[in-house]
PDB file of N, CA and C in Angstrom:
ATOM      1  N   MET A   1     117.844 200.559 123.714  1.00  0.00           N
ATOM      2  CA  MET A   1     119.379 199.614 124.245  1.00  0.00           C
ATOM      3  C   MET A   1     119.605 198.265 123.502  1.00  0.00           C
ATOM      4  N   PRO A   2     120.350 197.961 122.466  1.00  0.00           N
ATOM      5  CA  PRO A   2     119.989 197.065 121.519  1.00  0.00           C
ATOM      6  C   PRO A   2     120.161 195.749 122.043  1.00  0.00           C
ATOM      7  N   ARG A   3     119.819 195.219 121.060  1.00  0.00           N
ATOM      8  CA  ARG A   3     119.427 193.403 121.781  1.00  0.00           C
ATOM      9  C   ARG A   3     120.907 192.522 121.454  1.00  0.00           C
ATOM     10  N   LEU A   4     121.014 191.646 122.663  1.00  0.00           N
ATOM     11  CA  LEU A   4     122.014 190.916 122.987  1.00  0.00           C
ATOM     12  C   LEU A   4     121.863 189.825 122.168  1.00  0.00           C
ATOM     13  N   LYS A   5     123.601 189.686 121.624  1.00  0.00           N
ATOM     14  CA  LYS A   5     123.293 188.121 120.804  1.00  0.00           C
ATOM     15  C   LYS A   5     124.104 187.298 122.023  1.00  0.00           C
ATOM     16  N   ILE A   6     123.846 185.973 121.138  1.00  0.00           N
ATOM     17  CA  ILE A   6     124.403 184.996 121.500  1.00  0.00           C
ATOM     18  C   ILE A   6     125.947 185.000 122.178  1.00  0.00           C
ATOM     19  N   GLU A   7     126.734 185.871 121.717  1.00  0.00           N
ATOM     20  CA  GLU A   7     127.976 186.118 122.094  1.00  0.00           C
ATOM     21  C   GLU A   7     128.050 186.544 123.238  1.00  0.00           C
ATOM     22  N   ASP A   8     127.477 188.254 123.309  1.00  0.00           N
ATOM     23  CA  ASP A   8     127.234 188.990 124.614  1.00  0.00           C
ATOM     24  C   ASP A   8     126.751 187.936 125.380  1.00  0.00           C
ATOM     25  N   LEU A   9     125.817 187.326 125.618  1.00  0.00           N
ATOM     26  CA  LEU A   9     125.539 186.579 126.789  1.00  0.00           C
ATOM     27  C   LEU A   9     126.258 185.303 126.948  1.00  0.00           C
ATOM     28  N   GLN A  10     127.529 184.803 126.021  1.00  0.00           N
ATOM     29  CA  GLN A  10     128.322 183.961 126.797  1.00  0.00           C
ATOM     30  C   GLN A  10     129.477 184.619 127.406  1.00  0.00           C
ATOM     31  N   LYS A  11     129.725 185.988 126.716  1.00  0.00           N
ATOM     32  CA  LYS A  11     130.939 186.799 127.465  1.00  0.00           C
ATOM     33  C   LYS A  11     130.425 186.943 129.010  1.00  0.00           C
ATOM     34  N   ILE A  12     129.096 187.118 129.041  1.00  0.00           N
ATOM     35  CA  ILE A  12     128.590 188.060 130.519  1.00  0.00           C
ATOM     36  C   ILE A  12     128.492 186.638 131.597  1.00  0.00           C
ATOM     37  N   LYS A  13     127.992 185.297 130.870  1.00  0.00           N
ATOM     38  CA  LYS A  13     128.579 184.130 131.404  1.00  0.00           C
ATOM     39  C   LYS A  13     129.757 183.776 132.002  1.00  0.00           C
ATOM     40  N   GLU A  14     130.781 184.491 131.294  1.00  0.00           N
ATOM     41  CA  GLU A  14     132.211 183.877 131.510  1.00  0.00           C
ATOM     42  C   GLU A  14     132.545 184.706 132.667  1.00  0.00           C
ATOM     43  N   LYS A  15     131.873 185.995 132.652  1.00  0.00           N
ATOM     44  CA  LYS A  15     132.555 186.971 133.600  1.00  0.00           C
ATOM     45  C   LYS A  15     132.186 186.817 134.954  1.00  0.00           C
ATOM     46  N   HIS A  16     130.540 186.540 134.833  1.00  0.00           N
ATOM     47  CA  HIS A  16     130.093 185.942 136.232  1.00  0.00           C
ATOM     48  C   HIS A  16     130.781 184.555 137.103  1.00  0.00           C
ATOM     49  N   LYS A  17     130.875 183.776 136.044  1.00  0.00           N
ATOM     50  CA  LYS A  17     131.426 182.388 136.236  1.00  0.00           C
ATOM     51  C   LYS A  17     132.854 183.031 136.904  1.00  0.00           C
ATOM     52  N   ALA A  18     134.204 183.601 136.599  1.00  0.00           N
ATOM     53  CA  ALA A  18     134.950 183.346 136.926  1.00  0.00           C
ATOM     54  C   ALA A  18     134.796 184.671 138.375  1.00  0.00           C
ATOM     55  N   ASP A  19     133.697 185.537 138.277  1.00  0.00           N
ATOM     56  CA  ASP A  19     133.601 186.359 139.964  1.00  0.00           C
ATOM     57  C   ASP A  19     133.487 185.286 141.266  1.00  0.00           C
ATOM     58  N   PHE A  20     132.325 183.938 140.557  1.00  0.00           N
ATOM     59  CA  PHE A  20     131.893 183.151 141.711  1.00  0.00           C
ATOM     60  C   PHE A  20     132.946 182.351 141.619  1.00  0.00           C
ATOM     61  N   THR A  21     133.808 181.854 140.940  1.00  0.00           N
ATOM     62  CA  THR A  21     134.899 180.884 141.047  1.00  0.00           C
ATOM     63  C   THR A  21     135.765 181.793 142.176  1.00  0.00           C
ATOM     64  N   LEU A  22     136.076 183.064 142.135  1.00  0.00           N
ATOM     65  CA  LEU A  22     136.846 183.605 143.180  1.00  0.00           C
ATOM     66  C   LEU A  22     136.732 183.918 144.274  1.00  0.00           C
ATOM     67  N   ARG A  23     135.195 184.013 144.511  1.00  0.00           N
ATOM     68  CA  ARG A  23     134.455 184.482 145.806  1.00  0.00           C
ATOM     69  C   ARG A  23     134.679 182.803 146.233  1.00  0.00           C
ATOM     70  N   GLU A  24     134.544 181.965 146.010  1.00  0.00           N
ATOM     71  CA  GLU A  24     134.095 180.478 146.429  1.00  0.00           C
ATOM     72  C   GLU A  24     135.258 179.828 146.590  1.00  0.00           C
ATOM     73  N   GLY A  25     136.765 180.307 146.001  1.00  0.00           N
ATOM     74  CA  GLY A  25     137.900 179.966 146.317  1.00  0.00           C
ATOM     75  C   GLY A  25     138.197 178.868 145.445  1.00  0.00           C
ATOM     76  N   GLY A  26     137.475 178.419 144.327  1.00  0.00           N
ATOM     77  CA  GLY A  26     137.508 177.644 143.361  1.00  0.00           C
ATOM     78  C   GLY A  26     138.677 177.541 142.370  1.00  0.00           C
ATOM     79  N   TYR A  27     139.619 178.001 142.850  1.00  0.00           N
ATOM     80  CA  TYR A  27     140.634 178.098 141.721  1.00  0.00           C
ATOM     81  C   TYR A  27     141.992 177.182 141.867  1.00  0.00           C
ATOM     82  N   ARG A  28     143.051 176.533 141.398  1.00  0.00           N
ATOM     83  CA  ARG A  28     143.989 176.039 141.591  1.00  0.00           C
ATOM     84  C   ARG A  28     144.964 177.361 141.509  1.00  0.00           C
ATOM     85  N   ALA A  29     145.224 178.361 140.845  1.00  0.00           N
ATOM     86  CA  ALA A  29     146.161 179.229 140.960  1.00  0.00           C
ATOM     87  C   ALA A  29     146.147 180.660 141.268  1.00  0.00           C
ATOM     88  N   LYS A  30     146.537 181.878 142.081  1.00  0.00           N
ATOM     89  CA  LYS A  30     146.251 182.938 141.096  1.00  0.00           C
ATOM     90  C   LYS A  30     147.382 183.819 141.282  1.00  0.00           C
ATOM     91  N   VAL A  31     147.274 184.461 139.959  1.00  0.00           N
ATOM     92  CA  VAL A  31     148.385 185.238 139.630  1.00  0.00           C
ATOM     93  C   VAL A  31     148.039 186.770 139.838  1.00  0.00           C
ATOM     94  N   THR A  32     148.750 187.218 140.602  1.00  0.00           N
ATOM     95  CA  THR A  32     148.820 188.833 140.659  1.00  0.00           C
ATOM     96  C   THR A  32     149.372 189.712 140.063  1.00  0.00           C
ATOM     97  N   VAL A  33     149.183 190.452 138.662  1.00  0.00           N
ATOM     98  CA  VAL A  33     150.014 191.532 138.262  1.00  0.00           C
ATOM     99  C   VAL A  33     150.207 192.462 139.021  1.00  0.00           C
ATOM    100  N   HIS A  34     151.236 193.065 139.676  1.00  0.00           N
ATOM    101  CA  HIS A  34     151.287 194.674 140.183  1.00  0.00           C
ATOM    102  C   HIS A  34     151.162 195.376 139.070  1.00  0.00           C
ATOM    103  N   MET A  35     150.218 196.083 138.908  1.00  0.00           N
ATOM    104  CA  MET A  35     150.051 197.140 138.039  1.00  0.00           C
ATOM    105  C   MET A  35     149.786 198.679 138.635  1.00  0.00           C
ATOM    106  N   GLY A  36     150.807 198.909 139.713  1.00  0.00           N
ATOM    107  CA  GLY A  36     151.158 200.441 139.970  1.00  0.00           C
ATOM    108  C   GLY A  36     151.560 201.054 138.855  1.00  0.00           C
ATOM    109  N   THR A  37     151.682 202.669 138.604  1.00  0.00           N
ATOM    110  CA  THR A  37     151.859 203.459 137.964  1.00  0.00           C
ATOM    111  C   THR A  37     153.324 203.115 137.795  1.00  0.00           C
ATOM    112  N   CYS A  38     154.652 202.514 138.450  1.00  0.00           N
ATOM    113  CA  CYS A  38     155.421 201.886 138.114  1.00  0.00           C
ATOM    114  C   CYS A  38     155.680 200.941 137.289  1.00  0.00           C
ATOM    115  N   GLY A  39     154.863 199.882 137.513  1.00  0.00           N
ATOM    116  CA  GLY A  39     154.442 198.420 136.834  1.00  0.00           C
ATOM    117  C   GLY A  39     154.071 198.711 135.677  1.00  0.00           C
ATOM    118  N   ILE A  40     153.406 199.686 135.000  1.00  0.00           N
ATOM    119  CA  ILE A  40     152.528 199.574 134.195  1.00  0.00           C
ATOM    120  C   ILE A  40     153.647 200.682 133.409  1.00  0.00           C
ATOM    121  N   ALA A  41     154.363 201.901 133.844  1.00  0.00           N
ATOM    122  CA  ALA A  41     155.335 202.631 133.036  1.00  0.00           C
ATOM    123  C   ALA A  41     156.461 201.408 132.669  1.00  0.00           C
ATOM    124  N   ALA A  42     156.919 200.413 133.175  1.00  0.00           N
ATOM    125  CA  ALA A  42     157.685 199.355 132.715  1.00  0.00           C
ATOM    126  C   ALA A  42     157.890 198.328 132.469  1.00  0.00           C
ATOM    127  N   GLY A  43     155.944 198.132 131.776  1.00  0.00           N
ATOM    128  CA  GLY A  43     155.906 196.947 130.870  1.00  0.00           C
ATOM    129  C   GLY A  43     154.863 196.079 131.228  1.00  0.00           C
ATOM    130  N   ALA A  44     154.276 196.496 132.519  1.00  0.00           N
ATOM    131  CA  ALA A  44     153.111 195.502 132.924  1.00  0.00           C
ATOM    132  C   ALA A  44     152.055 195.033 132.257  1.00  0.00           C
ATOM    133  N   ARG A  45     151.481 195.844 131.254  1.00  0.00           N
ATOM    134  CA  ARG A  45     150.672 195.450 130.790  1.00  0.00           C
ATOM    135  C   ARG A  45     150.645 194.852 129.616  1.00  0.00           C
ATOM    136  N   ASN A  46     152.027 194.432 128.905  1.00  0.00           N
ATOM    137  CA  ASN A  46     152.480 193.570 128.134  1.00  0.00           C
ATOM    138  C   ASN A  46     152.854 192.446 128.629  1.00  0.00           C
ATOM    139  N   VAL A  47     153.285 192.305 130.123  1.00  0.00           N
ATOM    140  CA  VAL A  47     153.108 191.164 130.898  1.00  0.00           C
ATOM    141  C   VAL A  47     151.655 190.462 130.954  1.00  0.00           C
ATOM    142  N   MET A  48     150.423 191.360 131.376  1.00  0.00           N
ATOM    143  CA  MET A  48     149.196 191.109 131.509  1.00  0.00           C
ATOM    144  C   MET A  48     148.426 190.504 130.499  1.00  0.00           C
ATOM    145  N   THR A  49     148.787 191.211 129.387  1.00  0.00           N
ATOM    146  CA  THR A  49     148.263 190.997 127.944  1.00  0.00           C
ATOM    147  C   THR A  49     149.092 189.484 127.899  1.00  0.00           C
ATOM    148  N   ALA A  50     150.228 188.889 127.745  1.00  0.00           N
ATOM    149  CA  ALA A  50     151.002 187.841 127.402  1.00  0.00           C
ATOM    150  C   ALA A  50     150.006 186.971 128.399  1.00  0.00           C
ATOM    151  N   LEU A  51     150.208 186.810 129.715  1.00  0.00           N
ATOM    152  CA  LEU A  51     149.588 186.377 130.747  1.00  0.00           C
ATOM    153  C   LEU A  51     147.997 185.438 130.013  1.00  0.00           C
ATOM    154  N   MET A  52     147.343 186.405 129.890  1.00  0.00           N
ATOM    155  CA  MET A  52     145.925 186.109 129.277  1.00  0.00           C
ATOM    156  C   MET A  52     146.055 185.402 128.126  1.00  0.00           C
ATOM    157  N   ASP A  53     146.701 185.645 127.256  1.00  0.00           N
ATOM    158  CA  ASP A  53     147.125 184.909 126.241  1.00  0.00           C
ATOM    159  C   ASP A  53     147.197 183.547 126.362  1.00  0.00           C
ATOM    160  N   GLU A  54     148.380 183.531 127.349  1.00  0.00           N
ATOM    161  CA  GLU A  54     148.766 181.797 127.371  1.00  0.00           C
ATOM    162  C   GLU A  54     147.501 181.377 128.294  1.00  0.00           C
ATOM    163  N   ILE A  55     146.844 181.918 129.179  1.00  0.00           N
ATOM    164  CA  ILE A  55     145.373 181.247 129.684  1.00  0.00           C
ATOM    165  C   ILE A  55     144.711 180.834 128.581  1.00  0.00           C
ATOM    166  N   ALA A  56     144.197 181.854 127.601  1.00  0.00           N
ATOM    167  CA  ALA A  56     143.498 181.432 126.683  1.00  0.00           C
ATOM    168  C   ALA A  56     143.894 180.219 125.897  1.00  0.00           C
ATOM    169  N   LYS A  57     145.207 180.667 125.787  1.00  0.00           N
ATOM    170  CA  LYS A  57     145.656 179.121 124.186  1.00  0.00           C
ATOM    171  C   LYS A  57     145.492 177.962 125.466  1.00  0.00           C
ATOM    172  N   ALA A  58     145.823 177.610 126.534  1.00  0.00           N
ATOM    173  CA  ALA A  58     145.378 176.651 127.441  1.00  0.00           C
ATOM    174  C   ALA A  58     144.400 176.091 127.851  1.00  0.00           C
ATOM    175  N   ASN A  59     143.326 176.835 127.434  1.00  0.00           N
ATOM    176  CA  ASN A  59     142.142 177.075 127.376  1.00  0.00           C
ATOM    177  C   ASN A  59     141.923 176.755 129.030  1.00  0.00           C
ATOM    178  N   THR A  60     142.644 177.451 130.103  1.00  0.00           N
ATOM    179  CA  THR A  60     142.430 177.197 131.128  1.00  0.00           C
ATOM    180  C   THR A  60     141.759 177.980 132.341  1.00  0.00           C
ATOM    181  N   SER A  61     140.699 177.214 133.228  1.00  0.00           N
ATOM    182  CA  SER A  61     139.305 178.018 133.670  1.00  0.00           C
ATOM    183  C   SER A  61     139.989 177.907 135.472  1.00  0.00           C
ATOM    184  N   ASP A  62     140.531 177.449 135.710  1.00  0.00           N
ATOM    185  CA  ASP A  62     140.910 177.380 136.981  1.00  0.00           C
ATOM    186  C   ASP A  62     142.225 177.806 137.368  1.00  0.00           C
ATOM    187  N   VAL A  63     142.636 179.434 136.610  1.00  0.00           N
ATOM    188  CA  VAL A  63     143.688 180.383 137.623  1.00  0.00           C
ATOM    189  C   VAL A  63     142.965 181.785 137.186  1.00  0.00           C
ATOM    190  N   ILE A  64     143.014 182.218 138.255  1.00  0.00           N
ATOM    191  CA  ILE A  64     142.646 183.351 138.757  1.00  0.00           C
ATOM    192  C   ILE A  64     143.059 184.603 138.643  1.00  0.00           C
ATOM    193  N   VAL A  65     143.282 185.528 137.559  1.00  0.00           N
ATOM    194  CA  VAL A  65     144.321 186.628 137.599  1.00  0.00           C
ATOM    195  C   VAL A  65     143.624 187.921 137.975  1.00  0.00           C
ATOM    196  N   THR A  66     144.482 188.368 138.646  1.00  0.00           N
ATOM    197  CA  THR A  66     144.265 190.061 139.260  1.00  0.00           C
ATOM    198  C   THR A  66     144.884 190.757 139.234  1.00  0.00           C
ATOM    199  N   THR A  67     144.944 192.420 139.579  1.00  0.00           N
ATOM    200  CA  THR A  67     145.438 193.301 139.814  1.00  0.00           C
ATOM    201  C   THR A  67     145.843 193.881 140.775  1.00  0.00           C
ATOM    202  N   SER A  68     147.157 194.234 141.090  1.00  0.00           N
ATOM    203  CA  SER A  68     147.124 195.394 142.187  1.00  0.00           C
ATOM    204  C   SER A  68     148.145 196.712 142.090  1.00  0.00           C
ATOM    205  N   GLY A  69     148.281 197.500 143.040  1.00  0.00           N
ATOM    206  CA  GLY A  69     149.143 198.245 142.841  1.00  0.00           C
ATOM    207  C   GLY A  69     150.034 197.955 142.947  1.00  0.00           C
ATOM    208  N   CYS A  70     151.454 198.970 143.462  1.00  0.00           N
ATOM    209  CA  CYS A  70     152.649 198.625 143.300  1.00  0.00           C
ATOM    210  C   CYS A  70     152.876 198.044 144.685  1.00  0.00           C
ATOM    211  N   ALA A  71     154.171 197.382 144.465  1.00  0.00           N
ATOM    212  CA  ALA A  71     154.379 195.889 145.434  1.00  0.00           C
ATOM    213  C   ALA A  71     155.263 196.695 146.386  1.00  0.00           C
ATOM    214  N   GLY A  72     156.143 197.584 146.203  1.00  0.00           N
ATOM    215  CA  GLY A  72     156.775 198.768 147.148  1.00  0.00           C
ATOM    216  C   GLY A  72     158.337 198.281 146.365  1.00  0.00           C
ATOM    217  N   LEU A  73     158.569 197.872 144.856  1.00  0.00           N
ATOM    218  CA  LEU A  73     159.766 197.616 144.497  1.00  0.00           C
ATOM    219  C   LEU A  73     159.781 198.218 143.348  1.00  0.00           C
ATOM    220  N   CYS A  74     159.446 199.685 143.285  1.00  0.00           N
ATOM    221  CA  CYS A  74     159.444 199.719 141.660  1.00  0.00           C
ATOM    222  C   CYS A  74     160.498 199.707 140.744  1.00  0.00           C
ATOM    223  N   ALA A  75     162.297 199.369 141.491  1.00  0.00           N
ATOM    224  CA  ALA A  75     163.225 199.144 140.676  1.00  0.00           C
ATOM    225  C   ALA A  75     163.212 197.888 140.080  1.00  0.00           C
ATOM    226  N   ARG A  76     162.333 196.734 140.549  1.00  0.00           N
ATOM    227  CA  ARG A  76     162.278 195.862 139.968  1.00  0.00           C
ATOM    228  C   ARG A  76     160.946 195.193 139.101  1.00  0.00           C
ATOM    229  N   GLU A  77     160.322 196.390 138.828  1.00  0.00           N
ATOM    230  CA  GLU A  77     159.230 196.029 137.991  1.00  0.00           C
ATOM    231  C   GLU A  77     159.328 195.529 136.808  1.00  0.00           C
ATOM    232  N   PRO A  78     158.448 195.068 135.772  1.00  0.00           N
ATOM    233  CA  PRO A  78     157.436 194.416 135.981  1.00  0.00           C
ATOM    234  C   PRO A  78     157.461 193.258 136.907  1.00  0.00           C
ATOM    235  N   LEU A  79     156.093 193.357 138.327  1.00  0.00           N
ATOM    236  CA  LEU A  79     156.338 192.344 139.145  1.00  0.00           C
ATOM    237  C   LEU A  79     155.046 191.359 139.141  1.00  0.00           C
ATOM    238  N   ALA A  80     155.318 190.286 139.082  1.00  0.00           N
ATOM    239  CA  ALA A  80     154.058 189.266 139.924  1.00  0.00           C
ATOM    240  C   ALA A  80     153.950 188.499 140.367  1.00  0.00           C
ATOM    241  N   THR A  81     153.215 187.798 141.322  1.00  0.00           N
ATOM    242  CA  THR A  81     152.748 187.178 142.873  1.00  0.00           C
ATOM    243  C   THR A  81     152.221 185.647 141.965  1.00  0.00           C
ATOM    244  N   VAL A  82     152.992 184.607 142.193  1.00  0.00           N
ATOM    245  CA  VAL A  82     152.452 183.406 141.818  1.00  0.00           C
ATOM    246  C   VAL A  82     151.768 182.680 142.786  1.00  0.00           C
ATOM    247  N   GLU A  83     150.481 182.251 143.391  1.00  0.00           N
ATOM    248  CA  GLU A  83     150.321 181.620 144.222  1.00  0.00           C
ATOM    249  C   GLU A  83     149.519 180.388 143.754  1.00  0.00           C
ATOM    250  N   ILE A  84     150.205 179.039 144.195  1.00  0.00           N
ATOM    251  CA  ILE A  84     149.399 177.665 143.809  1.00  0.00           C
ATOM    252  C   ILE A  84     148.878 177.499 144.985  1.00  0.00           C
ATOM    253  N   MET A  85     147.835 176.734 145.578  1.00  0.00           N
ATOM    254  CA  MET A  85     147.759 175.704 146.050  1.00  0.00           C
ATOM    255  C   MET A  85     148.547 174.489 146.431  1.00  0.00           C
ATOM    256  N   ASN A  86     148.684 174.795 147.956  1.00  0.00           N
ATOM    257  CA  ASN A  86     150.035 174.139 148.886  1.00  0.00           C
ATOM    258  C   ASN A  86     151.038 174.000 148.280  1.00  0.00           C
ATOM    259  N   GLN A  87     151.701 175.713 147.710  1.00  0.00           N
ATOM    260  CA  GLN A  87     152.770 175.618 147.148  1.00  0.00           C
ATOM    261  C   GLN A  87     152.929 176.838 148.005  1.00  0.00           C
ATOM    262  N   ALA A  88     154.148 177.711 148.512  1.00  0.00           N
ATOM    263  CA  ALA A  88     154.697 179.021 148.697  1.00  0.00           C
ATOM    264  C   ALA A  88     154.613 179.439 147.616  1.00  0.00           C
ATOM    265  N   PRO A  89     154.140 181.041 147.875  1.00  0.00           N
ATOM    266  CA  PRO A  89     153.475 181.935 146.859  1.00  0.00           C
ATOM    267  C   PRO A  89     155.092 182.649 146.465  1.00  0.00           C
ATOM    268  N   VAL A  90     155.276 182.890 144.837  1.00  0.00           N
ATOM    269  CA  VAL A  90     156.613 183.156 144.691  1.00  0.00           C
ATOM    270  C   VAL A  90     156.296 184.816 143.721  1.00  0.00           C
ATOM    271  N   LYS A  91     157.155 185.253 144.240  1.00  0.00           N
ATOM    272  CA  LYS A  91     157.227 186.656 143.490  1.00  0.00           C
ATOM    273  C   LYS A  91     158.138 186.960 142.205  1.00  0.00           C
ATOM    274  N   TYR A  92     158.003 187.054 141.462  1.00  0.00           N
ATOM    275  CA  TYR A  92     158.722 187.179 140.192  1.00  0.00           C
ATOM    276  C   TYR A  92     158.906 188.801 139.820  1.00  0.00           C
ATOM    277  N   CYS A  93     160.443 189.055 139.678  1.00  0.00           N
ATOM    278  CA  CYS A  93     160.340 190.476 139.141  1.00  0.00           C
ATOM    279  C   CYS A  93     161.345 190.662 137.338  1.00  0.00           C
ATOM    280  N   ASP A  94     161.212 191.915 137.199  1.00  0.00           N
ATOM    281  CA  ASP A  94     162.212 192.452 136.121  1.00  0.00           C
ATOM    282  C   ASP A  94     161.651 191.195 135.014  1.00  0.00           C
ATOM    283  N   LEU A  95     159.972 191.087 134.892  1.00  0.00           N
ATOM    284  CA  LEU A  95     159.330 190.257 133.736  1.00  0.00           C
ATOM    285  C   LEU A  95     159.055 191.208 132.653  1.00  0.00           C
ATOM    286  N   ASN A  96     159.016 190.520 131.749  1.00  0.00           N
ATOM    287  CA  ASN A  96     158.418 190.456 130.083  1.00  0.00           C
ATOM    288  C   ASN A  96     157.696 189.401 129.548  1.00  0.00           C
ATOM    289  N   ASP A  97     157.181 190.158 128.140  1.00  0.00           N
ATOM    290  CA  ASP A  97     156.115 189.093 127.704  1.00  0.00           C
ATOM    291  C   ASP A  97     156.636 187.553 127.694  1.00  0.00           C
ATOM    292  N   GLU A  98     157.924 187.629 127.291  1.00  0.00           N
ATOM    293  CA  GLU A  98     158.654 185.871 127.153  1.00  0.00           C
ATOM    294  C   GLU A  98     159.120 185.361 128.405  1.00  0.00           C
ATOM    295  N   LYS A  99     159.260 185.948 129.763  1.00  0.00           N
ATOM    296  CA  LYS A  99     159.200 185.331 130.991  1.00  0.00           C
ATOM    297  C   LYS A  99     158.026 185.058 131.236  1.00  0.00           C
ATOM    298  N   ILE A 100     156.821 185.755 131.443  1.00  0.00           N
ATOM    299  CA  ILE A 100     155.518 185.248 132.121  1.00  0.00           C
ATOM    300  C   ILE A 100     155.015 184.158 131.147  1.00  0.00           C
ATOM    301  N   ARG A 101     155.528 184.158 130.132  1.00  0.00           N
ATOM    302  CA  ARG A 101     155.325 182.930 129.351  1.00  0.00           C
ATOM    303  C   ARG A 101     155.669 181.637 129.863  1.00  0.00           C
ATOM    304  N   GLU A 102     157.059 182.268 130.222  1.00  0.00           N
ATOM    305  CA  GLU A 102     157.668 180.770 130.310  1.00  0.00           C
ATOM    306  C   GLU A 102     157.318 180.344 132.016  1.00  0.00           C
ATOM    307  N   ILE A 103     156.773 181.185 132.628  1.00  0.00           N
ATOM    308  CA  ILE A 103     156.567 181.146 134.241  1.00  0.00           C
ATOM    309  C   ILE A 103     155.299 180.553 133.881  1.00  0.00           C
ATOM    310  N   PHE A 104     154.304 180.811 133.222  1.00  0.00           N
ATOM    311  CA  PHE A 104     152.849 180.361 132.950  1.00  0.00           C
ATOM    312  C   PHE A 104     153.252 178.926 132.575  1.00  0.00           C
ATOM    313  N   LYS A 105     153.897 178.597 131.981  1.00  0.00           N
ATOM    314  CA  LYS A 105     154.306 176.939 131.532  1.00  0.00           C
ATOM    315  C   LYS A 105     154.852 175.890 132.087  1.00  0.00           C
ATOM    316  N   GLU A 106     155.935 176.602 133.018  1.00  0.00           N
ATOM    317  CA  GLU A 106     156.718 175.803 134.348  1.00  0.00           C
ATOM    318  C   GLU A 106     156.186 175.709 135.664  1.00  0.00           C
ATOM    319  N   HIS A 107     155.420 177.329 135.615  1.00  0.00           N
ATOM    320  CA  HIS A 107     155.392 177.147 137.444  1.00  0.00           C
ATOM    321  C   HIS A 107     153.340 176.821 137.159  1.00  0.00           C
ATOM    322  N   ILE A 108     152.878 177.944 136.682  1.00  0.00           N
ATOM    323  CA  ILE A 108     151.328 177.704 136.706  1.00  0.00           C
ATOM    324  C   ILE A 108     151.017 176.424 136.725  1.00  0.00           C
ATOM    325  N   LEU A 109     151.590 176.424 135.087  1.00  0.00           N
ATOM    326  CA  LEU A 109     150.864 174.459 134.379  1.00  0.00           C
ATOM    327  C   LEU A 109     151.411 173.660 134.807  1.00  0.00           C
ATOM    328  N   GLY A 110     152.784 173.683 135.301  1.00  0.00           N
ATOM    329  CA  GLY A 110     153.803 172.686 135.807  1.00  0.00           C
ATOM    330  C   GLY A 110     153.971 172.315 137.111  1.00  0.00           C
ATOM    331  N   GLY A 111     153.872 173.257 137.924  1.00  0.00           N
ATOM    332  CA  GLY A 111     154.158 173.473 138.994  1.00  0.00           C
ATOM    333  C   GLY A 111     155.417 173.433 139.820  1.00  0.00           C
ATOM    334  N   ASN A 112     156.397 173.809 138.805  1.00  0.00           N
ATOM    335  CA  ASN A 112     157.632 173.777 139.787  1.00  0.00           C
ATOM    336  C   ASN A 112     158.001 175.874 138.805  1.00  0.00           C
ATOM    337  N   PRO A 113     158.170 176.109 140.030  1.00  0.00           N
ATOM    338  CA  PRO A 113     158.739 177.487 140.138  1.00  0.00           C
ATOM    339  C   PRO A 113     159.821 177.869 139.643  1.00  0.00           C
ATOM    340  N   VAL A 114     160.083 178.810 138.243  1.00  0.00           N
ATOM    341  CA  VAL A 114     160.956 179.305 137.877  1.00  0.00           C
ATOM    342  C   VAL A 114     162.195 180.421 138.784  1.00  0.00           C
ATOM    343  N   GLU A 115     163.244 179.816 139.032  1.00  0.00           N
ATOM    344  CA  GLU A 115     163.987 180.306 140.248  1.00  0.00           C
ATOM    345  C   GLU A 115     164.640 181.442 139.494  1.00  0.00           C
ATOM    346  N   LYS A 116     165.189 181.365 138.415  1.00  0.00           N
ATOM    347  CA  LYS A 116     166.000 182.469 137.682  1.00  0.00           C
ATOM    348  C   LYS A 116     165.138 183.672 137.698  1.00  0.00           C
ATOM    349  N   TYR A 117     164.007 183.595 137.824  1.00  0.00           N
ATOM    350  CA  TYR A 117     163.509 185.021 137.462  1.00  0.00           C
ATOM    351  C   TYR A 117     162.609 185.259 138.981  1.00  0.00           C
ATOM    352  N   ALA A 118     162.493 184.451 140.236  1.00  0.00           N
ATOM    353  CA  ALA A 118     161.772 184.869 141.401  1.00  0.00           C
ATOM    354  C   ALA A 118     162.691 185.529 142.048  1.00  0.00           C
ATOM    355  N   LEU A 119     162.081 186.647 143.071  1.00  0.00           N
ATOM    356  CA  LEU A 119     162.621 187.788 143.654  1.00  0.00           C
ATOM    357  C   LEU A 119     162.537 187.113 144.994  1.00  0.00           C
ATOM    358  N   VAL A 120     161.500 186.568 145.652  1.00  0.00           N
ATOM    359  CA  VAL A 120     161.684 185.959 146.513  1.00  0.00           C
ATOM    360  C   VAL A 120     160.235 184.681 146.269  1.00  0.00           C
ATOM    361  N   ILE A 121     160.610 183.413 147.210  1.00  0.00           N
ATOM    362  CA  ILE A 121     159.619 182.363 147.390  1.00  0.00           C
ATOM    363  C   ILE A 121     159.638 182.606 148.538  1.00  0.00           C
ATOM    364  N   GLY A 122     157.697 182.229 148.907  1.00  0.00           N
ATOM    365  CA  GLY A 122     157.532 182.439 150.299  1.00  0.00           C
ATOM    366  C   GLY A 122     156.648 183.425 150.923  1.00  0.00           C
ATOM    367  N   SER A 123     156.257 184.004 151.268  1.00  0.00           N
ATOM    368  CA  SER A 123     155.172 185.122 151.944  1.00  0.00           C
ATOM    369  C   SER A 123     153.975 184.637 152.718  1.00  0.00           C
ATOM    370  N   GLU A 124     153.547 185.617 152.906  1.00  0.00           N
ATOM    371  CA  GLU A 124     151.952 185.720 153.081  1.00  0.00           C
ATOM    372  C   GLU A 124     151.062 184.909 152.235  1.00  0.00           C
ATOM    373  N   THR A 125     149.926 184.497 152.451  1.00  0.00           N
ATOM    374  CA  THR A 125     148.966 183.868 151.373  1.00  0.00           C
ATOM    375  C   THR A 125     147.519 184.010 151.262  1.00  0.00           C
ATOM    376  N   THR A 126     146.585 184.285 150.452  1.00  0.00           N
ATOM    377  CA  THR A 126     145.317 184.792 150.268  1.00  0.00           C
ATOM    378  C   THR A 126     144.407 183.269 150.395  1.00  0.00           C
ATOM    379  N   TYR A 127     145.085 182.526 150.796  1.00  0.00           N
ATOM    380  CA  TYR A 127     143.914 180.946 150.783  1.00  0.00           C
ATOM    381  C   TYR A 127     144.431 180.366 152.022  1.00  0.00           C
TER     382      TYR A 127
END
């Protein structure tokens, strides 16, 4: 087994920190990118990449990103659900990298849902 470098240990630490934060519920926002076969075919990987890029740029550690399978709305993929504490969850549809970047800045960081991309506001929550 090769020797671990400091960078390797930092990556392991960050991964476990994110896991513990999720388990303990210590996050402010949760974003679920729906990545069933239909979502991936429609561009969900690009949406996920853009979202992760925005989170890294903002140096945000209190936003959890998860994936799920198909949400049952294949014609409206790519889909993402944004849940912010004490706000109704919002399911966004017909996404691309530009739209998810705008949603990140306006809704996830700013707290203001982007209604022009929203499919539905309010549904069940995970907290």
